[in-house]
Amino acid sequence: MSTLSLIALIVAILAIALAVWALLQREKTRKLKRTFGPEYDRVMEQEKNSRRAEAVLEERQKRVEKYHIRPLSKEECDRFETKWRAAQEHFVDNPREAVAQADSLITEAMRMRGYPVSDFDQRAADLSVDHPHVIEDYWIAHEIAMRDAKGPAATEDLRRAMQHFRSLFEHVIDTRVVATSRSQTIPASSGRGSLRPVDRPLQHH
């Protein structure tokens, strides 16, 4: 084989290898976008680089695969539902404390299921692997709670936080239809007025 032929063969092999690599990268990106949904975009915006963002998401997957995650028993779910209703009813008298209780219930449920709960960022990152489409609820609710810690947030904002916590809570304990079937409600901002379903958008009059 001549030198030119050899060079041409090497170039062709490299071109094929590059095409295969590009195809694998596109497939990896497609799977990560499908798996993480909006969380993919959030991490991409945070990292400002697709390769770093995808590495972060893949690391989350590998880490969570090592956890021994288990479903909660019916009795455990019922206990959590009872605690949630108590926190929700407490919202009338003390919205701030009710929101704190809701946050604590999610952490407690995660611990019982097998997640190694630590700081918020770690909890959110771990949950995004199995519950990517509701993890934004966690971020929003946490942001409101943190803002409230610096200075009292409006009761309407706290009620929004409670709604977002509820959405995630249902997924963590695997009772996604409970809010609809049992018509769970959050008191209106006055603390004495009408009740609004927790799983419906806020209506402003």
N, C-alpha and C. Protein backbone atom coordinates (compact mmCIF):
# COMPACT_ATOMS: atom_id res chain seq x y z
N MET A 1 0.85 -1.19 0.00
CA MET A 1 0.00 0.00 0.00
C MET A 1 0.89 1.24 0.00
N SER A 2 0.53 2.18 -0.87
CA SER A 2 1.31 3.39 -0.99
C SER A 2 1.10 4.30 0.22
N THR A 3 2.02 5.24 0.37
CA THR A 3 1.92 6.18 1.51
C THR A 3 0.64 6.99 1.43
N LEU A 4 0.27 7.44 0.23
CA LEU A 4 -0.95 8.23 0.06
C LEU A 4 -2.18 7.40 0.41
N SER A 5 -2.17 6.15 -0.01
CA SER A 5 -3.31 5.28 0.30
C SER A 5 -3.43 5.07 1.80
N LEU A 6 -2.28 4.90 2.45
CA LEU A 6 -2.28 4.70 3.90
C LEU A 6 -2.81 5.93 4.63
N ILE A 7 -2.38 7.10 4.16
CA ILE A 7 -2.84 8.35 4.76
C ILE A 7 -4.35 8.49 4.57
N ALA A 8 -4.80 8.16 3.39
CA ALA A 8 -6.24 8.27 3.09
C ALA A 8 -7.04 7.31 3.96
N LEU A 9 -6.50 6.11 4.19
CA LEU A 9 -7.19 5.14 5.04
C LEU A 9 -7.26 5.64 6.49
N ILE A 10 -6.16 6.20 6.97
CA ILE A 10 -6.13 6.73 8.33
C ILE A 10 -7.13 7.87 8.50
N VAL A 11 -7.15 8.75 7.50
CA VAL A 11 -8.10 9.88 7.54
C VAL A 11 -9.53 9.37 7.55
N ALA A 12 -9.82 8.35 6.76
CA ALA A 12 -11.16 7.79 6.69
C ALA A 12 -11.56 7.16 8.03
N ILE A 13 -10.62 6.43 8.63
CA ILE A 13 -10.89 5.80 9.93
C ILE A 13 -11.15 6.86 10.99
N LEU A 14 -10.33 7.92 10.98
CA LEU A 14 -10.51 9.00 11.95
C LEU A 14 -11.86 9.69 11.75
N ALA A 15 -12.25 9.87 10.49
CA ALA A 15 -13.54 10.51 10.19
C ALA A 15 -14.69 9.67 10.69
N ILE A 16 -14.57 8.36 10.50
CA ILE A 16 -15.62 7.46 10.97
C ILE A 16 -15.69 7.47 12.50
N ALA A 17 -14.50 7.43 13.12
CA ALA A 17 -14.44 7.44 14.59
C ALA A 17 -15.05 8.73 15.14
N LEU A 18 -14.75 9.84 14.49
CA LEU A 18 -15.29 11.13 14.92
C LEU A 18 -16.80 11.16 14.76
N ALA A 19 -17.30 10.60 13.67
CA ALA A 19 -18.74 10.58 13.42
C ALA A 19 -19.44 9.72 14.47
N VAL A 20 -18.83 8.58 14.79
CA VAL A 20 -19.41 7.70 15.81
C VAL A 20 -19.42 8.39 17.17
N TRP A 21 -18.32 9.07 17.51
CA TRP A 21 -18.23 9.79 18.79
C TRP A 21 -19.30 10.87 18.87
N ALA A 22 -19.46 11.62 17.77
CA ALA A 22 -20.46 12.69 17.74
C ALA A 22 -21.87 12.11 17.91
N LEU A 23 -22.10 10.96 17.27
CA LEU A 23 -23.41 10.31 17.38
C LEU A 23 -23.67 9.86 18.81
N LEU A 24 -22.66 9.29 19.45
CA LEU A 24 -22.80 8.85 20.85
C LEU A 24 -23.04 10.04 21.78
N GLN A 25 -22.35 11.14 21.50
CA GLN A 25 -22.53 12.34 22.32
C GLN A 25 -23.94 12.89 22.19
N ARG A 26 -24.45 12.91 20.96
CA ARG A 26 -25.82 13.40 20.75
C ARG A 26 -26.83 12.50 21.44
N GLU A 27 -26.59 11.20 21.40
CA GLU A 27 -27.50 10.25 22.04
C GLU A 27 -27.45 10.43 23.56
N LYS A 28 -26.25 10.64 24.10
CA LYS A 28 -26.11 10.86 25.54
C LYS A 28 -26.85 12.12 25.96
N THR A 29 -26.68 13.18 25.18
CA THR A 29 -27.37 14.44 25.46
C THR A 29 -28.87 14.25 25.40
N ARG A 30 -29.35 13.53 24.39
CA ARG A 30 -30.78 13.30 24.24
C ARG A 30 -31.35 12.55 25.44
N LYS A 31 -30.62 11.54 25.91
CA LYS A 31 -31.09 10.75 27.06
C LYS A 31 -31.11 11.59 28.34
N LEU A 32 -30.08 12.40 28.52
CA LEU A 32 -30.03 13.24 29.72
C LEU A 32 -31.14 14.28 29.71
N LYS A 33 -31.42 14.86 28.55
CA LYS A 33 -32.50 15.84 28.44
C LYS A 33 -33.84 15.18 28.73
N ARG A 34 -34.01 13.96 28.21
CA ARG A 34 -35.27 13.24 28.44
C ARG A 34 -35.40 12.85 29.91
N THR A 35 -34.31 12.46 30.52
CA THR A 35 -34.34 12.02 31.91
C THR A 35 -34.56 13.17 32.88
N PHE A 36 -33.82 14.27 32.69
CA PHE A 36 -33.84 15.36 33.66
C PHE A 36 -34.80 16.49 33.31
N GLY A 37 -35.25 16.56 32.08
CA GLY A 37 -36.22 17.59 31.72
C GLY A 37 -35.72 18.99 32.03
N PRO A 38 -36.54 19.82 32.72
CA PRO A 38 -36.16 21.21 33.04
C PRO A 38 -34.88 21.30 33.86
N GLU A 39 -34.57 20.27 34.65
CA GLU A 39 -33.36 20.30 35.46
C GLU A 39 -32.11 20.32 34.59
N TYR A 40 -32.19 19.71 33.40
CA TYR A 40 -31.06 19.74 32.46
C TYR A 40 -30.75 21.19 32.10
N ASP A 41 -31.78 21.95 31.78
CA ASP A 41 -31.60 23.35 31.39
C ASP A 41 -31.08 24.18 32.56
N ARG A 42 -31.56 23.89 33.76
CA ARG A 42 -31.11 24.66 34.93
C ARG A 42 -29.63 24.43 35.19
N VAL A 43 -29.19 23.17 35.11
CA VAL A 43 -27.77 22.86 35.34
C VAL A 43 -26.92 23.43 34.21
N MET A 44 -27.45 23.39 32.99
CA MET A 44 -26.72 23.96 31.85
C MET A 44 -26.50 25.46 32.06
N GLU A 45 -27.53 26.15 32.52
CA GLU A 45 -27.40 27.58 32.78
C GLU A 45 -26.42 27.85 33.92
N GLN A 46 -26.41 26.97 34.89
CA GLN A 46 -25.52 27.12 36.04
C GLN A 46 -24.07 26.88 35.65
N GLU A 47 -23.82 25.85 34.86
CA GLU A 47 -22.45 25.47 34.51
C GLU A 47 -21.90 26.25 33.32
N LYS A 48 -22.77 26.79 32.48
CA LYS A 48 -22.35 27.57 31.30
C LYS A 48 -21.55 26.75 30.29
N ASN A 49 -21.65 25.43 30.39
CA ASN A 49 -20.89 24.56 29.49
C ASN A 49 -21.58 23.21 29.44
N SER A 50 -21.91 22.75 28.24
CA SER A 50 -22.68 21.51 28.10
C SER A 50 -21.92 20.30 28.63
N ARG A 51 -20.61 20.26 28.39
CA ARG A 51 -19.84 19.10 28.83
C ARG A 51 -19.79 19.02 30.36
N ARG A 52 -19.59 20.17 31.02
CA ARG A 52 -19.57 20.18 32.49
C ARG A 52 -20.95 19.87 33.05
N ALA A 53 -21.99 20.43 32.42
CA ALA A 53 -23.35 20.21 32.90
C ALA A 53 -23.72 18.73 32.82
N GLU A 54 -23.38 18.09 31.73
CA GLU A 54 -23.71 16.68 31.57
C GLU A 54 -22.88 15.82 32.51
N ALA A 55 -21.66 16.24 32.78
CA ALA A 55 -20.84 15.50 33.74
C ALA A 55 -21.45 15.57 35.13
N VAL A 56 -22.00 16.74 35.49
CA VAL A 56 -22.65 16.90 36.79
C VAL A 56 -23.86 15.97 36.89
N LEU A 57 -24.68 15.92 35.84
CA LEU A 57 -25.87 15.09 35.86
C LEU A 57 -25.53 13.61 35.88
N GLU A 58 -24.51 13.22 35.13
CA GLU A 58 -24.10 11.81 35.13
C GLU A 58 -23.55 11.40 36.49
N GLU A 59 -22.84 12.31 37.15
CA GLU A 59 -22.31 12.03 38.48
C GLU A 59 -23.46 11.83 39.47
N ARG A 60 -24.51 12.62 39.34
CA ARG A 60 -25.69 12.45 40.20
C ARG A 60 -26.27 11.04 40.01
N GLN A 61 -26.42 10.64 38.76
CA GLN A 61 -26.99 9.32 38.48
C GLN A 61 -26.15 8.21 39.10
N LYS A 62 -24.84 8.30 38.94
CA LYS A 62 -23.96 7.27 39.48
C LYS A 62 -24.04 7.24 41.01
N ARG A 63 -24.12 8.42 41.62
CA ARG A 63 -24.19 8.48 43.08
C ARG A 63 -25.48 7.87 43.59
N VAL A 64 -26.61 8.23 42.99
CA VAL A 64 -27.91 7.75 43.46
C VAL A 64 -28.07 6.25 43.20
N GLU A 65 -27.43 5.73 42.16
CA GLU A 65 -27.49 4.29 41.88
C GLU A 65 -26.92 3.48 43.05
N LYS A 66 -26.03 4.08 43.83
CA LYS A 66 -25.41 3.37 44.95
C LYS A 66 -26.29 3.38 46.20
N TYR A 67 -27.31 4.23 46.21
CA TYR A 67 -28.19 4.30 47.36
C TYR A 67 -29.14 3.11 47.38
N HIS A 68 -29.58 2.75 48.54
CA HIS A 68 -30.57 1.67 48.67
C HIS A 68 -31.94 2.31 48.90
N ILE A 69 -32.51 2.82 47.81
CA ILE A 69 -33.80 3.50 47.88
C ILE A 69 -34.92 2.47 47.94
N ARG A 70 -35.83 2.66 48.86
CA ARG A 70 -36.96 1.73 49.00
C ARG A 70 -38.27 2.51 49.00
N PRO A 71 -39.35 1.87 48.58
CA PRO A 71 -40.66 2.53 48.68
C PRO A 71 -41.14 2.52 50.12
N LEU A 72 -41.96 3.48 50.46
CA LEU A 72 -42.55 3.49 51.79
C LEU A 72 -43.73 2.53 51.84
N SER A 73 -43.95 1.94 53.00
CA SER A 73 -45.10 1.06 53.17
C SER A 73 -46.38 1.89 53.22
N LYS A 74 -47.51 1.24 53.07
CA LYS A 74 -48.79 1.94 53.14
C LYS A 74 -48.94 2.62 54.50
N GLU A 75 -48.54 1.93 55.56
CA GLU A 75 -48.65 2.50 56.90
C GLU A 75 -47.77 3.75 57.03
N GLU A 76 -46.56 3.69 56.46
CA GLU A 76 -45.68 4.86 56.52
C GLU A 76 -46.25 6.02 55.73
N CYS A 77 -46.81 5.72 54.55
CA CYS A 77 -47.43 6.77 53.75
C CYS A 77 -48.60 7.40 54.49
N ASP A 78 -49.40 6.57 55.14
CA ASP A 78 -50.54 7.09 55.89
C ASP A 78 -50.08 8.00 57.02
N ARG A 79 -48.99 7.62 57.69
CA ARG A 79 -48.48 8.45 58.78
C ARG A 79 -47.99 9.80 58.26
N PHE A 80 -47.33 9.76 57.11
CA PHE A 80 -46.86 11.01 56.53
C PHE A 80 -48.03 11.89 56.10
N GLU A 81 -49.06 11.26 55.55
CA GLU A 81 -50.24 12.03 55.15
C GLU A 81 -50.89 12.69 56.35
N THR A 82 -50.94 11.98 57.46
CA THR A 82 -51.51 12.54 58.68
C THR A 82 -50.69 13.74 59.15
N LYS A 83 -49.38 13.59 59.11
CA LYS A 83 -48.50 14.69 59.51
C LYS A 83 -48.65 15.87 58.56
N TRP A 84 -48.79 15.58 57.26
CA TRP A 84 -48.95 16.67 56.30
C TRP A 84 -50.25 17.43 56.56
N ARG A 85 -51.34 16.72 56.80
CA ARG A 85 -52.61 17.39 57.06
C ARG A 85 -52.50 18.27 58.30
N ALA A 86 -51.77 17.80 59.31
CA ALA A 86 -51.59 18.59 60.52
C ALA A 86 -50.82 19.87 60.21
N ALA A 87 -49.77 19.76 59.41
CA ALA A 87 -48.98 20.94 59.03
C ALA A 87 -49.83 21.90 58.21
N GLN A 88 -50.62 21.34 57.33
CA GLN A 88 -51.47 22.15 56.46
C GLN A 88 -52.52 22.91 57.26
N GLU A 89 -53.11 22.24 58.23
CA GLU A 89 -54.10 22.89 59.08
C GLU A 89 -53.45 23.97 59.95
N HIS A 90 -52.19 23.75 60.32
CA HIS A 90 -51.46 24.69 61.15
C HIS A 90 -51.15 25.98 60.39
N PHE A 91 -51.25 25.93 59.06
CA PHE A 91 -50.97 27.09 58.22
C PHE A 91 -51.86 28.27 58.59
N VAL A 92 -53.09 28.00 59.00
CA VAL A 92 -54.03 29.07 59.35
C VAL A 92 -53.47 29.95 60.45
N ASP A 93 -52.90 29.34 61.47
CA ASP A 93 -52.42 30.08 62.63
C ASP A 93 -50.96 30.51 62.52
N ASN A 94 -50.16 29.72 61.82
CA ASN A 94 -48.73 30.04 61.74
C ASN A 94 -48.16 29.57 60.40
N PRO A 95 -48.33 30.37 59.34
CA PRO A 95 -47.85 29.97 58.01
C PRO A 95 -46.36 29.64 57.98
N ARG A 96 -45.55 30.43 58.66
CA ARG A 96 -44.10 30.21 58.61
C ARG A 96 -43.74 28.85 59.20
N GLU A 97 -44.33 28.53 60.33
CA GLU A 97 -44.03 27.25 60.97
C GLU A 97 -44.56 26.09 60.13
N ALA A 98 -45.71 26.28 59.49
CA ALA A 98 -46.28 25.22 58.65
C ALA A 98 -45.36 24.91 57.48
N VAL A 99 -44.79 25.95 56.86
CA VAL A 99 -43.86 25.76 55.75
C VAL A 99 -42.61 25.02 56.23
N ALA A 100 -42.11 25.39 57.40
CA ALA A 100 -40.95 24.70 57.97
C ALA A 100 -41.26 23.23 58.23
N GLN A 101 -42.47 22.95 58.70
CA GLN A 101 -42.88 21.56 58.95
C GLN A 101 -42.96 20.78 57.64
N ALA A 102 -43.47 21.42 56.59
CA ALA A 102 -43.56 20.75 55.29
C ALA A 102 -42.18 20.39 54.77
N ASP A 103 -41.24 21.31 54.89
CA ASP A 103 -39.87 21.06 54.46
C ASP A 103 -39.27 19.91 55.26
N SER A 104 -39.53 19.90 56.56
CA SER A 104 -39.00 18.85 57.43
C SER A 104 -39.60 17.48 57.08
N LEU A 105 -40.87 17.46 56.70
CA LEU A 105 -41.52 16.19 56.34
C LEU A 105 -40.89 15.58 55.10
N ILE A 106 -40.56 16.43 54.13
CA ILE A 106 -39.92 15.92 52.91
C ILE A 106 -38.55 15.34 53.24
N THR A 107 -37.80 16.03 54.09
CA THR A 107 -36.49 15.51 54.49
C THR A 107 -36.63 14.20 55.24
N GLU A 108 -37.62 14.12 56.11
CA GLU A 108 -37.85 12.89 56.88
C GLU A 108 -38.23 11.73 55.95
N ALA A 109 -39.09 12.01 54.98
CA ALA A 109 -39.49 10.97 54.03
C ALA A 109 -38.31 10.50 53.20
N MET A 110 -37.46 11.43 52.78
CA MET A 110 -36.26 11.06 52.02
C MET A 110 -35.37 10.15 52.85
N ARG A 111 -35.18 10.49 54.11
CA ARG A 111 -34.33 9.69 54.98
C ARG A 111 -34.88 8.27 55.11
N MET A 112 -36.19 8.16 55.29
CA MET A 112 -36.80 6.84 55.45
C MET A 112 -36.70 6.02 54.17
N ARG A 113 -36.72 6.68 53.04
CA ARG A 113 -36.62 5.95 51.78
C ARG A 113 -35.19 5.52 51.45
N GLY A 114 -34.21 6.14 52.12
CA GLY A 114 -32.83 5.71 51.91
C GLY A 114 -31.90 6.76 51.34
N TYR A 115 -32.39 7.99 51.19
CA TYR A 115 -31.52 9.06 50.72
C TYR A 115 -30.65 9.56 51.87
N PRO A 116 -29.36 9.76 51.65
CA PRO A 116 -28.49 10.29 52.70
C PRO A 116 -28.63 11.80 52.79
N VAL A 117 -29.62 12.27 53.50
CA VAL A 117 -29.91 13.70 53.54
C VAL A 117 -28.78 14.46 54.22
N SER A 118 -28.44 15.59 53.62
CA SER A 118 -27.40 16.46 54.21
C SER A 118 -27.86 17.89 54.00
N ASP A 119 -27.12 18.67 53.22
CA ASP A 119 -27.54 20.04 52.96
C ASP A 119 -28.59 20.07 51.84
N PHE A 120 -29.25 21.19 51.68
CA PHE A 120 -30.33 21.29 50.70
C PHE A 120 -29.87 20.98 49.29
N ASP A 121 -28.73 21.56 48.87
CA ASP A 121 -28.26 21.35 47.50
C ASP A 121 -28.07 19.87 47.21
N GLN A 122 -27.54 19.12 48.18
CA GLN A 122 -27.33 17.69 47.99
C GLN A 122 -28.67 16.96 47.89
N ARG A 123 -29.61 17.32 48.74
CA ARG A 123 -30.94 16.68 48.70
C ARG A 123 -31.62 16.94 47.36
N ALA A 124 -31.57 18.19 46.91
CA ALA A 124 -32.20 18.54 45.64
C ALA A 124 -31.55 17.81 44.47
N ALA A 125 -30.22 17.74 44.49
CA ALA A 125 -29.50 17.05 43.42
C ALA A 125 -29.87 15.58 43.38
N ASP A 126 -29.93 14.93 44.54
CA ASP A 126 -30.29 13.51 44.59
C ASP A 126 -31.72 13.28 44.12
N LEU A 127 -32.64 14.12 44.57
CA LEU A 127 -34.04 13.95 44.18
C LEU A 127 -34.26 14.18 42.69
N SER A 128 -33.41 15.02 42.09
CA SER A 128 -33.59 15.33 40.67
C SER A 128 -33.40 14.11 39.78
N VAL A 129 -32.70 13.10 40.28
CA VAL A 129 -32.46 11.89 39.49
C VAL A 129 -33.76 11.09 39.32
N ASP A 130 -34.51 10.94 40.40
CA ASP A 130 -35.74 10.15 40.35
C ASP A 130 -37.00 10.99 40.16
N HIS A 131 -36.92 12.28 40.49
CA HIS A 131 -38.10 13.15 40.39
C HIS A 131 -37.74 14.46 39.69
N PRO A 132 -37.21 14.38 38.47
CA PRO A 132 -36.71 15.59 37.80
C PRO A 132 -37.79 16.61 37.46
N HIS A 133 -39.00 16.15 37.22
CA HIS A 133 -40.03 17.08 36.75
C HIS A 133 -40.73 17.83 37.87
N VAL A 134 -40.43 17.51 39.12
CA VAL A 134 -41.00 18.27 40.23
C VAL A 134 -39.91 18.90 41.10
N ILE A 135 -38.64 18.70 40.73
CA ILE A 135 -37.57 19.25 41.57
C ILE A 135 -37.59 20.77 41.56
N GLU A 136 -38.15 21.36 40.49
CA GLU A 136 -38.26 22.82 40.46
C GLU A 136 -39.15 23.31 41.59
N ASP A 137 -40.15 22.50 41.98
CA ASP A 137 -41.00 22.86 43.11
C ASP A 137 -40.17 23.00 44.38
N TYR A 138 -39.19 22.12 44.53
CA TYR A 138 -38.32 22.14 45.70
C TYR A 138 -37.49 23.43 45.72
N TRP A 139 -36.94 23.79 44.56
CA TRP A 139 -36.13 25.00 44.47
C TRP A 139 -36.96 26.24 44.79
N ILE A 140 -38.17 26.31 44.23
CA ILE A 140 -39.02 27.49 44.44
C ILE A 140 -39.42 27.60 45.91
N ALA A 141 -39.88 26.49 46.48
CA ALA A 141 -40.31 26.50 47.88
C ALA A 141 -39.14 26.85 48.80
N HIS A 142 -37.97 26.30 48.51
CA HIS A 142 -36.79 26.57 49.35
C HIS A 142 -36.40 28.05 49.25
N GLU A 143 -36.49 28.61 48.05
CA GLU A 143 -36.12 30.01 47.85
C GLU A 143 -37.04 30.91 48.67
N ILE A 144 -38.34 30.58 48.69
CA ILE A 144 -39.29 31.37 49.48
C ILE A 144 -38.98 31.23 50.96
N ALA A 145 -38.69 30.01 51.40
CA ALA A 145 -38.38 29.77 52.81
C ALA A 145 -37.12 30.52 53.21
N MET A 146 -36.10 30.55 52.37
CA MET A 146 -34.87 31.26 52.67
C MET A 146 -35.11 32.76 52.72
N ARG A 147 -35.94 33.24 51.80
CA ARG A 147 -36.27 34.66 51.80
C ARG A 147 -37.03 35.03 53.07
N ASP A 148 -37.90 34.13 53.51
CA ASP A 148 -38.68 34.36 54.73
C ASP A 148 -37.77 34.40 55.95
N ALA A 149 -36.70 33.62 55.92
CA ALA A 149 -35.77 33.58 57.06
C ALA A 149 -35.04 34.91 57.23
N LYS A 150 -34.86 35.63 56.11
CA LYS A 150 -34.17 36.91 56.17
C LYS A 150 -35.11 38.04 56.56
N GLY A 151 -36.38 37.83 56.32
CA GLY A 151 -37.40 38.83 56.63
C GLY A 151 -38.74 38.25 56.29
N PRO A 152 -39.75 38.44 57.13
CA PRO A 152 -41.05 37.79 56.93
C PRO A 152 -41.57 37.91 55.50
N ALA A 153 -41.83 36.77 54.88
CA ALA A 153 -42.40 36.74 53.54
C ALA A 153 -43.91 36.92 53.65
N ALA A 154 -44.52 37.37 52.56
CA ALA A 154 -45.97 37.53 52.53
C ALA A 154 -46.64 36.16 52.69
N THR A 155 -47.79 36.15 53.34
CA THR A 155 -48.50 34.89 53.55
C THR A 155 -48.83 34.22 52.22
N GLU A 156 -49.12 35.03 51.21
CA GLU A 156 -49.41 34.47 49.89
C GLU A 156 -48.20 33.71 49.34
N ASP A 157 -47.00 34.27 49.55
CA ASP A 157 -45.79 33.58 49.10
C ASP A 157 -45.58 32.28 49.88
N LEU A 158 -45.86 32.32 51.18
CA LEU A 158 -45.72 31.12 51.99
C LEU A 158 -46.70 30.05 51.55
N ARG A 159 -47.88 30.47 51.14
CA ARG A 159 -48.86 29.50 50.65
C ARG A 159 -48.39 28.88 49.34
N ARG A 160 -47.74 29.69 48.51
CA ARG A 160 -47.15 29.16 47.28
C ARG A 160 -46.08 28.12 47.60
N ALA A 161 -45.26 28.43 48.62
CA ALA A 161 -44.22 27.48 49.04
C ALA A 161 -44.85 26.18 49.48
N MET A 162 -45.95 26.28 50.22
CA MET A 162 -46.64 25.08 50.70
C MET A 162 -47.16 24.27 49.53
N GLN A 163 -47.67 24.93 48.50
CA GLN A 163 -48.14 24.23 47.31
C GLN A 163 -47.01 23.48 46.61
N HIS A 164 -45.88 24.16 46.48
CA HIS A 164 -44.74 23.51 45.81
C HIS A 164 -44.20 22.36 46.65
N PHE A 165 -44.15 22.53 47.96
CA PHE A 165 -43.72 21.44 48.82
C PHE A 165 -44.66 20.25 48.67
N ARG A 166 -45.95 20.51 48.56
CA ARG A 166 -46.94 19.44 48.43
C ARG A 166 -46.70 18.62 47.16
N SER A 167 -46.43 19.31 46.06
CA SER A 167 -46.19 18.62 44.79
C SER A 167 -45.02 17.64 44.91
N LEU A 168 -43.94 18.10 45.52
CA LEU A 168 -42.78 17.23 45.70
C LEU A 168 -43.07 16.14 46.73
N PHE A 169 -43.76 16.50 47.79
CA PHE A 169 -44.10 15.55 48.85
C PHE A 169 -44.84 14.33 48.29
N GLU A 170 -45.79 14.58 47.39
CA GLU A 170 -46.54 13.47 46.80
C GLU A 170 -45.63 12.51 46.05
N HIS A 171 -44.64 13.06 45.36
CA HIS A 171 -43.73 12.19 44.61
C HIS A 171 -42.77 11.44 45.53
N VAL A 172 -42.31 12.11 46.56
CA VAL A 172 -41.36 11.45 47.46
C VAL A 172 -42.01 10.27 48.18
N ILE A 173 -43.28 10.41 48.56
CA ILE A 173 -43.94 9.29 49.24
C ILE A 173 -44.79 8.47 48.26
N ASP A 174 -44.71 8.81 46.96
CA ASP A 174 -45.41 8.06 45.93
C ASP A 174 -46.93 8.08 46.11
N THR A 175 -47.48 9.25 46.34
CA THR A 175 -48.94 9.40 46.41
C THR A 175 -49.33 10.60 45.55
N ARG A 176 -49.03 10.52 44.28
CA ARG A 176 -49.23 11.65 43.38
C ARG A 176 -50.69 12.08 43.23
N VAL A 177 -51.64 11.17 43.45
CA VAL A 177 -53.04 11.51 43.23
C VAL A 177 -53.77 11.87 44.51
N VAL A 178 -53.07 11.85 45.62
CA VAL A 178 -53.75 12.09 46.90
C VAL A 178 -54.39 13.47 46.95
N ALA A 179 -53.69 14.49 46.49
CA ALA A 179 -54.22 15.85 46.60
C ALA A 179 -55.53 15.98 45.85
N THR A 180 -55.63 15.36 44.66
CA THR A 180 -56.86 15.45 43.88
C THR A 180 -57.96 14.62 44.51
N SER A 181 -57.64 13.39 44.91
CA SER A 181 -58.67 12.49 45.43
C SER A 181 -59.20 12.92 46.78
N ARG A 182 -58.36 13.60 47.58
CA ARG A 182 -58.80 13.97 48.91
C ARG A 182 -59.07 15.47 49.04
N SER A 183 -58.90 16.22 47.89
CA SER A 183 -59.18 17.65 47.87
C SER A 183 -58.46 18.40 48.97
N GLN A 184 -57.12 18.20 49.05
CA GLN A 184 -56.33 18.90 50.05
C GLN A 184 -56.37 20.39 49.76
N THR A 185 -56.38 21.23 50.81
CA THR A 185 -56.48 22.66 50.62
C THR A 185 -55.48 23.40 51.48
N ILE A 186 -55.21 24.63 51.06
CA ILE A 186 -54.36 25.53 51.82
C ILE A 186 -55.18 26.77 52.13
N PRO A 187 -55.21 27.26 53.36
CA PRO A 187 -55.98 28.45 53.70
C PRO A 187 -55.54 29.66 52.89
N ALA A 188 -56.51 30.53 52.59
CA ALA A 188 -56.20 31.76 51.87
C ALA A 188 -55.36 32.66 52.74
N SER A 189 -54.81 33.72 52.13
CA SER A 189 -53.82 34.53 52.81
C SER A 189 -54.33 35.23 54.05
N SER A 190 -55.63 35.42 54.17
CA SER A 190 -56.15 36.07 55.35
C SER A 190 -56.07 35.18 56.57
N GLY A 191 -55.95 33.85 56.35
CA GLY A 191 -55.90 32.91 57.45
C GLY A 191 -57.28 32.54 57.94
N ARG A 192 -58.35 33.19 57.43
CA ARG A 192 -59.70 32.88 57.88
C ARG A 192 -60.68 32.77 56.72
N GLY A 193 -60.18 33.03 55.52
CA GLY A 193 -61.08 33.10 54.39
C GLY A 193 -61.30 31.77 53.70
N SER A 194 -61.53 31.83 52.38
CA SER A 194 -61.83 30.65 51.60
C SER A 194 -60.63 29.74 51.51
N LEU A 195 -60.86 28.48 51.12
CA LEU A 195 -59.79 27.50 50.98
C LEU A 195 -59.55 27.26 49.50
N ARG A 196 -58.28 27.05 49.17
CA ARG A 196 -57.93 26.80 47.78
C ARG A 196 -57.24 25.47 47.66
N PRO A 197 -57.56 24.67 46.62
CA PRO A 197 -56.90 23.37 46.45
C PRO A 197 -55.40 23.55 46.31
N VAL A 198 -54.66 22.69 46.99
CA VAL A 198 -53.21 22.79 46.95
C VAL A 198 -52.64 22.44 45.60
N ASP A 199 -53.37 21.66 44.79
CA ASP A 199 -52.82 21.23 43.51
C ASP A 199 -53.34 22.08 42.36
N ARG A 200 -53.93 23.24 42.66
CA ARG A 200 -54.37 24.11 41.60
C ARG A 200 -53.57 25.43 41.64
N PRO A 201 -53.45 26.09 40.46
CA PRO A 201 -52.74 27.36 40.45
C PRO A 201 -53.46 28.39 41.31
N LEU A 202 -52.73 29.38 41.81
CA LEU A 202 -53.33 30.43 42.60
C LEU A 202 -54.21 31.28 41.68
N GLN A 203 -55.29 31.75 42.22
CA GLN A 203 -56.17 32.62 41.48
C GLN A 203 -56.16 33.98 42.14
N HIS A 204 -55.85 35.00 41.40
CA HIS A 204 -55.79 36.34 41.96
C HIS A 204 -57.03 37.11 41.54
N HIS A 205 -57.64 37.78 42.48
CA HIS A 205 -58.88 38.51 42.20
C HIS A 205 -58.61 40.01 42.24
